[in-house]
Amino acid sequence: MQGIRLTTGTTGLSSLVEILYDNEWGTVCGDDEWDFDDATVVCHQLGYHNATNPYKNASIQGPEFVSMSNVQCHGNEASISSCKHERFQEGNCPIENNAGVTCEGRIMH
């Protein structure tokens, strides 16, 4: 994996998780496994203290390309790519099931 970002929705309450893989931004599938542990890893990777809410159906339009699905983190991984998941660019996930997260407490360096 080369990068990760959050794309803010129109309400500002949730953000879509996007992964840069092979020079293409894609989404993370918010399937049954997406939970607080996964969201925590994303927030920590982006420099936030906490995840306050994982969204299995972020309802934010993102790229049609799905980068990752079936993500299963323990919550202590350094990056989402270190978590168990289906190989990049695989998986069958409807676009309305994009994974999202709300992070809080930006860490200042």
PDB file of N, CA and C in Angstrom:
ATOM      1  N   MET A   1       0.835  -1.170   0.000  1.00  0.00           N
ATOM      2  CA  MET A   1       0.000   0.000   0.000  1.00  0.00           C
ATOM      3  C   MET A   1       0.879   1.231   0.000  1.00  0.00           C
ATOM      4  N   GLN A   2       0.424   2.268  -0.670  1.00  0.00           N
ATOM      5  CA  GLN A   2       1.209   3.482  -0.781  1.00  0.00           C
ATOM      6  C   GLN A   2       0.621   4.652  -0.022  1.00  0.00           C
ATOM      7  N   GLY A   3      -0.633   4.634   0.371  1.00  0.00           N
ATOM      8  CA  GLY A   3      -1.218   5.776   1.047  1.00  0.00           C
ATOM      9  C   GLY A   3      -2.608   5.494   1.558  1.00  0.00           C
ATOM     10  N   ILE A   4      -3.057   6.379   2.448  1.00  0.00           N
ATOM     11  CA  ILE A   4      -4.399   6.291   3.006  1.00  0.00           C
ATOM     12  C   ILE A   4      -4.895   7.711   3.230  1.00  0.00           C
ATOM     13  N   ARG A   5      -6.205   7.920   3.059  1.00  0.00           N
ATOM     14  CA  ARG A   5      -6.784   9.225   3.311  1.00  0.00           C
ATOM     15  C   ARG A   5      -8.243   9.058   3.694  1.00  0.00           C
ATOM     16  N   LEU A   6      -8.785  10.126   4.255  1.00  0.00           N
ATOM     17  CA  LEU A   6     -10.210  10.190   4.545  1.00  0.00           C
ATOM     18  C   LEU A   6     -10.814  11.257   3.649  1.00  0.00           C
ATOM     19  N   THR A   7     -11.914  10.926   3.005  1.00  0.00           N
ATOM     20  CA  THR A   7     -12.642  11.873   2.178  1.00  0.00           C
ATOM     21  C   THR A   7     -13.904  12.246   2.941  1.00  0.00           C
ATOM     22  N   THR A   8     -14.028  13.505   3.294  1.00  0.00           N
ATOM     23  CA  THR A   8     -15.135  13.961   4.124  1.00  0.00           C
ATOM     24  C   THR A   8     -16.432  13.990   3.343  1.00  0.00           C
ATOM     25  N   GLY A   9     -17.481  13.544   4.008  1.00  0.00           N
ATOM     26  CA  GLY A   9     -18.802  13.586   3.409  1.00  0.00           C
ATOM     27  C   GLY A   9     -19.402  14.969   3.472  1.00  0.00           C
ATOM     28  N   THR A  10     -20.556  15.125   2.891  1.00  0.00           N
ATOM     29  CA  THR A  10     -21.196  16.430   2.825  1.00  0.00           C
ATOM     30  C   THR A  10     -21.656  16.907   4.198  1.00  0.00           C
ATOM     31  N   THR A  11     -21.925  15.999   5.121  1.00  0.00           N
ATOM     32  CA  THR A  11     -22.374  16.401   6.454  1.00  0.00           C
ATOM     33  C   THR A  11     -21.194  16.709   7.357  1.00  0.00           C
ATOM     34  N   GLY A  12     -20.010  16.259   7.014  1.00  0.00           N
ATOM     35  CA  GLY A  12     -18.845  16.458   7.856  1.00  0.00           C
ATOM     36  C   GLY A  12     -18.811  15.534   9.052  1.00  0.00           C
ATOM     37  N   LEU A  13     -19.779  14.628   9.166  1.00  0.00           N
ATOM     38  CA  LEU A  13     -19.852  13.731  10.317  1.00  0.00           C
ATOM     39  C   LEU A  13     -19.120  12.420  10.094  1.00  0.00           C
ATOM     40  N   SER A  14     -18.935  12.052   8.871  1.00  0.00           N
ATOM     41  CA  SER A  14     -18.246  10.801   8.586  1.00  0.00           C
ATOM     42  C   SER A  14     -17.283  11.013   7.436  1.00  0.00           C
ATOM     43  N   SER A  15     -16.298  10.147   7.371  1.00  0.00           N
ATOM     44  CA  SER A  15     -15.314  10.229   6.298  1.00  0.00           C
ATOM     45  C   SER A  15     -15.123   8.858   5.683  1.00  0.00           C
ATOM     46  N   LEU A  16     -15.018   8.846   4.389  1.00  0.00           N
ATOM     47  CA  LEU A  16     -14.789   7.629   3.627  1.00  0.00           C
ATOM     48  C   LEU A  16     -13.307   7.275   3.684  1.00  0.00           C
ATOM     49  N   VAL A  17     -12.994   6.019   3.927  1.00  0.00           N
ATOM     50  CA  VAL A  17     -11.603   5.554   3.943  1.00  0.00           C
ATOM     51  C   VAL A  17     -11.206   5.190   2.518  1.00  0.00           C
ATOM     52  N   GLU A  18     -10.112   5.785   2.049  1.00  0.00           N
ATOM     53  CA  GLU A  18      -9.598   5.476   0.716  1.00  0.00           C
ATOM     54  C   GLU A  18      -8.141   5.040   0.821  1.00  0.00           C
ATOM     55  N   ILE A  19      -7.786   4.049   0.020  1.00  0.00           N
ATOM     56  CA  ILE A  19      -6.443   3.473  -0.002  1.00  0.00           C
ATOM     57  C   ILE A  19      -5.845   3.690  -1.384  1.00  0.00           C
ATOM     58  N   LEU A  20      -4.606   4.151  -1.407  1.00  0.00           N
ATOM     59  CA  LEU A  20      -3.884   4.286  -2.670  1.00  0.00           C
ATOM     60  C   LEU A  20      -3.091   3.010  -2.904  1.00  0.00           C
ATOM     61  N   TYR A  21      -3.420   2.337  -3.979  1.00  0.00           N
ATOM     62  CA  TYR A  21      -2.718   1.103  -4.332  1.00  0.00           C
ATOM     63  C   TYR A  21      -2.428   1.115  -5.818  1.00  0.00           C
ATOM     64  N   ASP A  22      -1.190   0.915  -6.158  1.00  0.00           N
ATOM     65  CA  ASP A  22      -0.772   0.881  -7.559  1.00  0.00           C
ATOM     66  C   ASP A  22      -1.228   2.145  -8.299  1.00  0.00           C
ATOM     67  N   ASN A  23      -1.018   3.297  -7.641  1.00  0.00           N
ATOM     68  CA  ASN A  23      -1.333   4.623  -8.190  1.00  0.00           C
ATOM     69  C   ASN A  23      -2.815   4.860  -8.453  1.00  0.00           C
ATOM     70  N   GLU A  24      -3.676   4.132  -7.775  1.00  0.00           N
ATOM     71  CA  GLU A  24      -5.111   4.326  -7.938  1.00  0.00           C
ATOM     72  C   GLU A  24      -5.781   4.339  -6.573  1.00  0.00           C
ATOM     73  N   TRP A  25      -6.595   5.374  -6.319  1.00  0.00           N
ATOM     74  CA  TRP A  25      -7.338   5.443  -5.070  1.00  0.00           C
ATOM     75  C   TRP A  25      -8.545   4.534  -5.156  1.00  0.00           C
ATOM     76  N   GLY A  26      -8.776   3.798  -4.088  1.00  0.00           N
ATOM     77  CA  GLY A  26      -9.923   2.909  -4.007  1.00  0.00           C
ATOM     78  C   GLY A  26     -10.498   2.919  -2.606  1.00  0.00           C
ATOM     79  N   THR A  27     -11.631   2.308  -2.469  1.00  0.00           N
ATOM     80  CA  THR A  27     -12.325   2.285  -1.187  1.00  0.00           C
ATOM     81  C   THR A  27     -11.987   1.016  -0.406  1.00  0.00           C
ATOM     82  N   VAL A  28     -12.429   1.013   0.840  1.00  0.00           N
ATOM     83  CA  VAL A  28     -12.382  -0.172   1.690  1.00  0.00           C
ATOM     84  C   VAL A  28     -13.828  -0.619   1.849  1.00  0.00           C
ATOM     85  N   CYS A  29     -14.060  -1.890   1.666  1.00  0.00           N
ATOM     86  CA  CYS A  29     -15.416  -2.399   1.782  1.00  0.00           C
ATOM     87  C   CYS A  29     -15.817  -2.464   3.254  1.00  0.00           C
ATOM     88  N   GLY A  30     -16.935  -1.835   3.585  1.00  0.00           N
ATOM     89  CA  GLY A  30     -17.441  -1.861   4.954  1.00  0.00           C
ATOM     90  C   GLY A  30     -18.330  -3.064   5.186  1.00  0.00           C
ATOM     91  N   ASP A  31     -17.786  -4.234   4.963  1.00  0.00           N
ATOM     92  CA  ASP A  31     -18.555  -5.473   5.102  1.00  0.00           C
ATOM     93  C   ASP A  31     -18.696  -5.845   6.574  1.00  0.00           C
ATOM     94  N   ASP A  32     -19.109  -7.051   6.849  1.00  0.00           N
ATOM     95  CA  ASP A  32     -19.424  -7.485   8.202  1.00  0.00           C
ATOM     96  C   ASP A  32     -18.260  -7.368   9.175  1.00  0.00           C
ATOM     97  N   GLU A  33     -17.030  -7.434   8.709  1.00  0.00           N
ATOM     98  CA  GLU A  33     -15.880  -7.405   9.594  1.00  0.00           C
ATOM     99  C   GLU A  33     -15.472  -5.995  10.026  1.00  0.00           C
ATOM    100  N   TRP A  34     -15.909  -4.944   9.347  1.00  0.00           N
ATOM    101  CA  TRP A  34     -15.485  -3.579   9.646  1.00  0.00           C
ATOM    102  C   TRP A  34     -16.019  -3.161  11.018  1.00  0.00           C
ATOM    103  N   ASP A  35     -15.088  -2.800  11.947  1.00  0.00           N
ATOM    104  CA  ASP A  35     -15.503  -2.467  13.305  1.00  0.00           C
ATOM    105  C   ASP A  35     -14.561  -1.441  13.933  1.00  0.00           C
ATOM    106  N   PHE A  36     -14.695  -1.216  15.252  1.00  0.00           N
ATOM    107  CA  PHE A  36     -13.882  -0.217  15.945  1.00  0.00           C
ATOM    108  C   PHE A  36     -12.390  -0.514  15.862  1.00  0.00           C
ATOM    109  N   ASP A  37     -11.999  -1.784  15.880  1.00  0.00           N
ATOM    110  CA  ASP A  37     -10.569  -2.108  15.777  1.00  0.00           C
ATOM    111  C   ASP A  37      -9.998  -1.642  14.439  1.00  0.00           C
ATOM    112  N   ASP A  38     -10.731  -1.870  13.371  1.00  0.00           N
ATOM    113  CA  ASP A  38     -10.298  -1.437  12.039  1.00  0.00           C
ATOM    114  C   ASP A  38     -10.234   0.093  11.968  1.00  0.00           C
ATOM    115  N   ALA A  39     -11.286   0.742  12.461  1.00  0.00           N
ATOM    116  CA  ALA A  39     -11.341   2.200  12.449  1.00  0.00           C
ATOM    117  C   ALA A  39     -10.230   2.807  13.296  1.00  0.00           C
ATOM    118  N   THR A  40      -9.914   2.177  14.419  1.00  0.00           N
ATOM    119  CA  THR A  40      -8.843   2.659  15.290  1.00  0.00           C
ATOM    120  C   THR A  40      -7.501   2.642  14.574  1.00  0.00           C
ATOM    121  N   VAL A  41      -7.218   1.580  13.847  1.00  0.00           N
ATOM    122  CA  VAL A  41      -5.959   1.488  13.107  1.00  0.00           C
ATOM    123  C   VAL A  41      -5.886   2.594  12.057  1.00  0.00           C
ATOM    124  N   VAL A  42      -6.974   2.826  11.339  1.00  0.00           N
ATOM    125  CA  VAL A  42      -7.001   3.889  10.331  1.00  0.00           C
ATOM    126  C   VAL A  42      -6.736   5.245  10.981  1.00  0.00           C
ATOM    127  N   CYS A  43      -7.423   5.539  12.071  1.00  0.00           N
ATOM    128  CA  CYS A  43      -7.249   6.837  12.744  1.00  0.00           C
ATOM    129  C   CYS A  43      -5.834   7.000  13.276  1.00  0.00           C
ATOM    130  N   HIS A  44      -5.291   5.967  13.901  1.00  0.00           N
ATOM    131  CA  HIS A  44      -3.912   6.050  14.405  1.00  0.00           C
ATOM    132  C   HIS A  44      -2.928   6.250  13.257  1.00  0.00           C
ATOM    133  N   GLN A  45      -3.136   5.542  12.153  1.00  0.00           N
ATOM    134  CA  GLN A  45      -2.252   5.669  10.997  1.00  0.00           C
ATOM    135  C   GLN A  45      -2.256   7.096  10.455  1.00  0.00           C
ATOM    136  N   LEU A  46      -3.387   7.768  10.571  1.00  0.00           N
ATOM    137  CA  LEU A  46      -3.522   9.137  10.069  1.00  0.00           C
ATOM    138  C   LEU A  46      -3.161  10.191  11.115  1.00  0.00           C
ATOM    139  N   GLY A  47      -2.754   9.757  12.310  1.00  0.00           N
ATOM    140  CA  GLY A  47      -2.308  10.695  13.327  1.00  0.00           C
ATOM    141  C   GLY A  47      -3.374  11.181  14.283  1.00  0.00           C
ATOM    142  N   TYR A  48      -4.431  10.416  14.470  1.00  0.00           N
ATOM    143  CA  TYR A  48      -5.480  10.767  15.423  1.00  0.00           C
ATOM    144  C   TYR A  48      -5.394   9.855  16.644  1.00  0.00           C
ATOM    145  N   HIS A  49      -5.899  10.348  17.777  1.00  0.00           N
ATOM    146  CA  HIS A  49      -5.902   9.563  19.008  1.00  0.00           C
ATOM    147  C   HIS A  49      -6.915   8.427  18.967  1.00  0.00           C
ATOM    148  N   ASN A  50      -8.119   8.725  18.513  1.00  0.00           N
ATOM    149  CA  ASN A  50      -9.210   7.763  18.638  1.00  0.00           C
ATOM    150  C   ASN A  50     -10.103   7.706  17.407  1.00  0.00           C
ATOM    151  N   ALA A  51     -10.758   6.566  17.282  1.00  0.00           N
ATOM    152  CA  ALA A  51     -11.869   6.417  16.345  1.00  0.00           C
ATOM    153  C   ALA A  51     -13.130   6.486  17.190  1.00  0.00           C
ATOM    154  N   THR A  52     -14.090   7.295  16.766  1.00  0.00           N
ATOM    155  CA  THR A  52     -15.325   7.396  17.536  1.00  0.00           C
ATOM    156  C   THR A  52     -16.474   6.629  16.898  1.00  0.00           C
ATOM    157  N   ASN A  53     -16.333   6.308  15.626  1.00  0.00           N
ATOM    158  CA  ASN A  53     -17.424   5.592  14.973  1.00  0.00           C
ATOM    159  C   ASN A  53     -16.952   4.976  13.663  1.00  0.00           C
ATOM    160  N   PRO A  54     -17.075   3.659  13.521  1.00  0.00           N
ATOM    161  CA  PRO A  54     -16.841   3.041  12.215  1.00  0.00           C
ATOM    162  C   PRO A  54     -18.168   2.984  11.449  1.00  0.00           C
ATOM    163  N   TYR A  55     -18.135   3.238  10.167  1.00  0.00           N
ATOM    164  CA  TYR A  55     -19.329   3.184   9.345  1.00  0.00           C
ATOM    165  C   TYR A  55     -19.189   2.050   8.344  1.00  0.00           C
ATOM    166  N   LYS A  56     -20.103   1.102   8.404  1.00  0.00           N
ATOM    167  CA  LYS A  56     -20.089   0.009   7.431  1.00  0.00           C
ATOM    168  C   LYS A  56     -20.707   0.442   6.110  1.00  0.00           C
ATOM    169  N   ASN A  57     -21.543   1.447   6.172  1.00  0.00           N
ATOM    170  CA  ASN A  57     -22.206   1.979   4.986  1.00  0.00           C
ATOM    171  C   ASN A  57     -22.074   3.491   5.030  1.00  0.00           C
ATOM    172  N   ALA A  58     -20.897   3.989   4.682  1.00  0.00           N
ATOM    173  CA  ALA A  58     -20.591   5.415   4.827  1.00  0.00           C
ATOM    174  C   ALA A  58     -21.498   6.306   3.984  1.00  0.00           C
ATOM    175  N   SER A  59     -22.121   5.738   2.972  1.00  0.00           N
ATOM    176  CA  SER A  59     -23.019   6.498   2.098  1.00  0.00           C
ATOM    177  C   SER A  59     -22.353   7.738   1.519  1.00  0.00           C
ATOM    178  N   ILE A  60     -21.075   7.635   1.259  1.00  0.00           N
ATOM    179  CA  ILE A  60     -20.326   8.707   0.616  1.00  0.00           C
ATOM    180  C   ILE A  60     -19.803   8.140  -0.689  1.00  0.00           C
ATOM    181  N   GLN A  61     -20.077   8.821  -1.775  1.00  0.00           N
ATOM    182  CA  GLN A  61     -19.604   8.348  -3.077  1.00  0.00           C
ATOM    183  C   GLN A  61     -18.098   8.454  -3.141  1.00  0.00           C
ATOM    184  N   GLY A  62     -17.471   7.386  -3.517  1.00  0.00           N
ATOM    185  CA  GLY A  62     -16.022   7.368  -3.673  1.00  0.00           C
ATOM    186  C   GLY A  62     -15.659   6.704  -4.991  1.00  0.00           C
ATOM    187  N   PRO A  63     -14.391   6.347  -5.138  1.00  0.00           N
ATOM    188  CA  PRO A  63     -13.983   5.653  -6.356  1.00  0.00           C
ATOM    189  C   PRO A  63     -14.743   4.325  -6.502  1.00  0.00           C
ATOM    190  N   GLU A  64     -14.980   3.916  -7.713  1.00  0.00           N
ATOM    191  CA  GLU A  64     -15.661   2.643  -7.932  1.00  0.00           C
ATOM    192  C   GLU A  64     -14.738   1.459  -7.698  1.00  0.00           C
ATOM    193  N   PHE A  65     -13.458   1.721  -7.648  1.00  0.00           N
ATOM    194  CA  PHE A  65     -12.441   0.701  -7.422  1.00  0.00           C
ATOM    195  C   PHE A  65     -12.398   0.350  -5.935  1.00  0.00           C
ATOM    196  N   VAL A  66     -12.478  -0.938  -5.594  1.00  0.00           N
ATOM    197  CA  VAL A  66     -12.383  -1.395  -4.213  1.00  0.00           C
ATOM    198  C   VAL A  66     -10.964  -1.892  -3.970  1.00  0.00           C
ATOM    199  N   SER A  67     -10.237  -1.211  -3.077  1.00  0.00           N
ATOM    200  CA  SER A  67      -8.859  -1.595  -2.790  1.00  0.00           C
ATOM    201  C   SER A  67      -8.771  -2.782  -1.848  1.00  0.00           C
ATOM    202  N   MET A  68      -9.576  -2.774  -0.795  1.00  0.00           N
ATOM    203  CA  MET A  68      -9.488  -3.806   0.238  1.00  0.00           C
ATOM    204  C   MET A  68     -10.887  -4.211   0.681  1.00  0.00           C
ATOM    205  N   SER A  69     -11.027  -5.468   1.091  1.00  0.00           N
ATOM    206  CA  SER A  69     -12.274  -5.925   1.696  1.00  0.00           C
ATOM    207  C   SER A  69     -11.948  -6.977   2.751  1.00  0.00           C
ATOM    208  N   ASN A  70     -12.945  -7.281   3.553  1.00  0.00           N
ATOM    209  CA  ASN A  70     -12.796  -8.240   4.651  1.00  0.00           C
ATOM    210  C   ASN A  70     -11.610  -7.900   5.550  1.00  0.00           C
ATOM    211  N   VAL A  71     -11.493  -6.613   5.901  1.00  0.00           N
ATOM    212  CA  VAL A  71     -10.423  -6.142   6.781  1.00  0.00           C
ATOM    213  C   VAL A  71     -10.719  -6.602   8.206  1.00  0.00           C
ATOM    214  N   GLN A  72      -9.696  -7.176   8.856  1.00  0.00           N
ATOM    215  CA  GLN A  72      -9.845  -7.644  10.231  1.00  0.00           C
ATOM    216  C   GLN A  72      -8.603  -7.260  11.027  1.00  0.00           C
ATOM    217  N   CYS A  73      -8.692  -6.122  11.717  1.00  0.00           N
ATOM    218  CA  CYS A  73      -7.589  -5.635  12.549  1.00  0.00           C
ATOM    219  C   CYS A  73      -7.816  -6.028  14.005  1.00  0.00           C
ATOM    220  N   HIS A  74      -6.735  -6.045  14.765  1.00  0.00           N
ATOM    221  CA  HIS A  74      -6.816  -6.251  16.212  1.00  0.00           C
ATOM    222  C   HIS A  74      -6.867  -4.913  16.936  1.00  0.00           C
ATOM    223  N   GLY A  75      -6.470  -3.848  16.261  1.00  0.00           N
ATOM    224  CA  GLY A  75      -6.495  -2.515  16.831  1.00  0.00           C
ATOM    225  C   GLY A  75      -5.133  -1.962  17.173  1.00  0.00           C
ATOM    226  N   ASN A  76      -4.102  -2.810  17.136  1.00  0.00           N
ATOM    227  CA  ASN A  76      -2.747  -2.360  17.495  1.00  0.00           C
ATOM    228  C   ASN A  76      -1.778  -2.356  16.311  1.00  0.00           C
ATOM    229  N   GLU A  77      -2.258  -2.623  15.120  1.00  0.00           N
ATOM    230  CA  GLU A  77      -1.404  -2.624  13.932  1.00  0.00           C
ATOM    231  C   GLU A  77      -0.975  -1.201  13.587  1.00  0.00           C
ATOM    232  N   ALA A  78       0.192  -1.073  12.983  1.00  0.00           N
ATOM    233  CA  ALA A  78       0.721   0.237  12.596  1.00  0.00           C
ATOM    234  C   ALA A  78       0.004   0.812  11.374  1.00  0.00           C
ATOM    235  N   SER A  79      -0.541  -0.054  10.520  1.00  0.00           N
ATOM    236  CA  SER A  79      -1.255   0.407   9.334  1.00  0.00           C
ATOM    237  C   SER A  79      -2.316  -0.618   8.958  1.00  0.00           C
ATOM    238  N   ILE A  80      -3.292  -0.164   8.206  1.00  0.00           N
ATOM    239  CA  ILE A  80      -4.373  -1.052   7.798  1.00  0.00           C
ATOM    240  C   ILE A  80      -3.869  -2.180   6.896  1.00  0.00           C
ATOM    241  N   SER A  81      -2.789  -1.926   6.176  1.00  0.00           N
ATOM    242  CA  SER A  81      -2.241  -2.968   5.307  1.00  0.00           C
ATOM    243  C   SER A  81      -1.634  -4.118   6.110  1.00  0.00           C
ATOM    244  N   SER A  82      -1.367  -3.896   7.394  1.00  0.00           N
ATOM    245  CA  SER A  82      -0.844  -4.958   8.261  1.00  0.00           C
ATOM    246  C   SER A  82      -1.948  -5.852   8.814  1.00  0.00           C
ATOM    247  N   CYS A  83      -3.178  -5.448   8.629  1.00  0.00           N
ATOM    248  CA  CYS A  83      -4.319  -6.225   9.111  1.00  0.00           C
ATOM    249  C   CYS A  83      -4.652  -7.343   8.124  1.00  0.00           C
ATOM    250  N   LYS A  84      -5.301  -8.365   8.631  1.00  0.00           N
ATOM    251  CA  LYS A  84      -5.772  -9.435   7.758  1.00  0.00           C
ATOM    252  C   LYS A  84      -6.816  -8.838   6.814  1.00  0.00           C
ATOM    253  N   HIS A  85      -6.717  -9.161   5.543  1.00  0.00           N
ATOM    254  CA  HIS A  85      -7.670  -8.670   4.548  1.00  0.00           C
ATOM    255  C   HIS A  85      -7.531  -9.491   3.283  1.00  0.00           C
ATOM    256  N   GLU A  86      -8.530  -9.361   2.420  1.00  0.00           N
ATOM    257  CA  GLU A  86      -8.400  -9.976   1.103  1.00  0.00           C
ATOM    258  C   GLU A  86      -7.339  -9.212   0.339  1.00  0.00           C
ATOM    259  N   ARG A  87      -6.711  -9.892  -0.589  1.00  0.00           N
ATOM    260  CA  ARG A  87      -5.655  -9.235  -1.372  1.00  0.00           C
ATOM    261  C   ARG A  87      -6.166  -7.966  -2.016  1.00  0.00           C
ATOM    262  N   PHE A  88      -5.233  -7.046  -2.238  1.00  0.00           N
ATOM    263  CA  PHE A  88      -5.609  -5.785  -2.861  1.00  0.00           C
ATOM    264  C   PHE A  88      -6.270  -6.027  -4.205  1.00  0.00           C
ATOM    265  N   GLN A  89      -7.243  -5.201  -4.500  1.00  0.00           N
ATOM    266  CA  GLN A  89      -7.980  -5.214  -5.757  1.00  0.00           C
ATOM    267  C   GLN A  89      -8.870  -6.427  -5.915  1.00  0.00           C
ATOM    268  N   GLU A  90      -9.165  -7.082  -4.827  1.00  0.00           N
ATOM    269  CA  GLU A  90     -10.086  -8.213  -4.904  1.00  0.00           C
ATOM    270  C   GLU A  90     -11.293  -7.948  -4.022  1.00  0.00           C
ATOM    271  N   GLY A  91     -12.281  -8.729  -4.205  1.00  0.00           N
ATOM    272  CA  GLY A  91     -13.476  -8.607  -3.392  1.00  0.00           C
ATOM    273  C   GLY A  91     -14.641  -8.090  -4.207  1.00  0.00           C
ATOM    274  N   ASN A  92     -15.808  -8.451  -3.767  1.00  0.00           N
ATOM    275  CA  ASN A  92     -17.030  -8.048  -4.442  1.00  0.00           C
ATOM    276  C   ASN A  92     -17.831  -7.227  -3.435  1.00  0.00           C
ATOM    277  N   CYS A  93     -17.817  -5.926  -3.596  1.00  0.00           N
ATOM    278  CA  CYS A  93     -18.437  -5.044  -2.609  1.00  0.00           C
ATOM    279  C   CYS A  93     -19.252  -3.968  -3.320  1.00  0.00           C
ATOM    280  N   PRO A  94     -20.543  -3.870  -3.016  1.00  0.00           N
ATOM    281  CA  PRO A  94     -21.342  -2.796  -3.605  1.00  0.00           C
ATOM    282  C   PRO A  94     -20.814  -1.434  -3.163  1.00  0.00           C
ATOM    283  N   ILE A  95     -20.862  -0.459  -4.017  1.00  0.00           N
ATOM    284  CA  ILE A  95     -20.310   0.857  -3.746  1.00  0.00           C
ATOM    285  C   ILE A  95     -20.980   1.515  -2.534  1.00  0.00           C
ATOM    286  N   GLU A  96     -22.245   1.171  -2.263  1.00  0.00           N
ATOM    287  CA  GLU A  96     -22.925   1.762  -1.106  1.00  0.00           C
ATOM    288  C   GLU A  96     -22.442   1.186   0.227  1.00  0.00           C
ATOM    289  N   ASN A  97     -21.576   0.187   0.185  1.00  0.00           N
ATOM    290  CA  ASN A  97     -21.012  -0.404   1.405  1.00  0.00           C
ATOM    291  C   ASN A  97     -19.616   0.113   1.723  1.00  0.00           C
ATOM    292  N   ASN A  98     -19.275   1.279   1.222  1.00  0.00           N
ATOM    293  CA  ASN A  98     -17.961   1.854   1.514  1.00  0.00           C
ATOM    294  C   ASN A  98     -17.757   2.033   3.009  1.00  0.00           C
ATOM    295  N   ALA A  99     -16.552   1.694   3.482  1.00  0.00           N
ATOM    296  CA  ALA A  99     -16.213   1.854   4.894  1.00  0.00           C
ATOM    297  C   ALA A  99     -15.842   3.296   5.183  1.00  0.00           C
ATOM    298  N   GLY A 100     -16.291   3.769   6.324  1.00  0.00           N
ATOM    299  CA  GLY A 100     -15.961   5.112   6.762  1.00  0.00           C
ATOM    300  C   GLY A 100     -15.620   5.112   8.234  1.00  0.00           C
ATOM    301  N   VAL A 101     -15.183   6.271   8.708  1.00  0.00           N
ATOM    302  CA  VAL A 101     -14.792   6.395  10.110  1.00  0.00           C
ATOM    303  C   VAL A 101     -14.852   7.864  10.514  1.00  0.00           C
ATOM    304  N   THR A 102     -15.074   8.086  11.779  1.00  0.00           N
ATOM    305  CA  THR A 102     -14.903   9.410  12.368  1.00  0.00           C
ATOM    306  C   THR A 102     -13.742   9.304  13.338  1.00  0.00           C
ATOM    307  N   CYS A 103     -12.744  10.173  13.165  1.00  0.00           N
ATOM    308  CA  CYS A 103     -11.578  10.203  14.036  1.00  0.00           C
ATOM    309  C   CYS A 103     -11.627  11.469  14.868  1.00  0.00           C
ATOM    310  N   GLU A 104     -11.005  11.434  16.055  1.00  0.00           N
ATOM    311  CA  GLU A 104     -10.928  12.631  16.883  1.00  0.00           C
ATOM    312  C   GLU A 104      -9.565  12.733  17.540  1.00  0.00           C
ATOM    313  N   GLY A 105      -9.235  13.934  17.930  1.00  0.00           N
ATOM    314  CA  GLY A 105      -7.992  14.164  18.666  1.00  0.00           C
ATOM    315  C   GLY A 105      -6.743  14.092  17.828  1.00  0.00           C
ATOM    316  N   ARG A 106      -6.629  14.992  16.838  1.00  0.00           N
ATOM    317  CA  ARG A 106      -5.452  15.026  15.967  1.00  0.00           C
ATOM    318  C   ARG A 106      -4.191  15.190  16.803  1.00  0.00           C
ATOM    319  N   ILE A 107      -3.214  14.348  16.567  1.00  0.00           N
ATOM    320  CA  ILE A 107      -1.939  14.412  17.264  1.00  0.00           C
ATOM    321  C   ILE A 107      -1.076  15.441  16.566  1.00  0.00           C
ATOM    322  N   MET A 108      -0.585  16.401  17.303  1.00  0.00           N
ATOM    323  CA  MET A 108       0.266  17.435  16.730  1.00  0.00           C
ATOM    324  C   MET A 108       1.726  17.048  16.923  1.00  0.00           C
ATOM    325  N   HIS A 109       2.521  17.184  15.869  1.00  0.00           N
ATOM    326  CA  HIS A 109       3.959  16.859  15.949  1.00  0.00           C
ATOM    327  C   HIS A 109       4.777  18.110  15.894  1.00  0.00           C
TER     328      HIS A 109
END
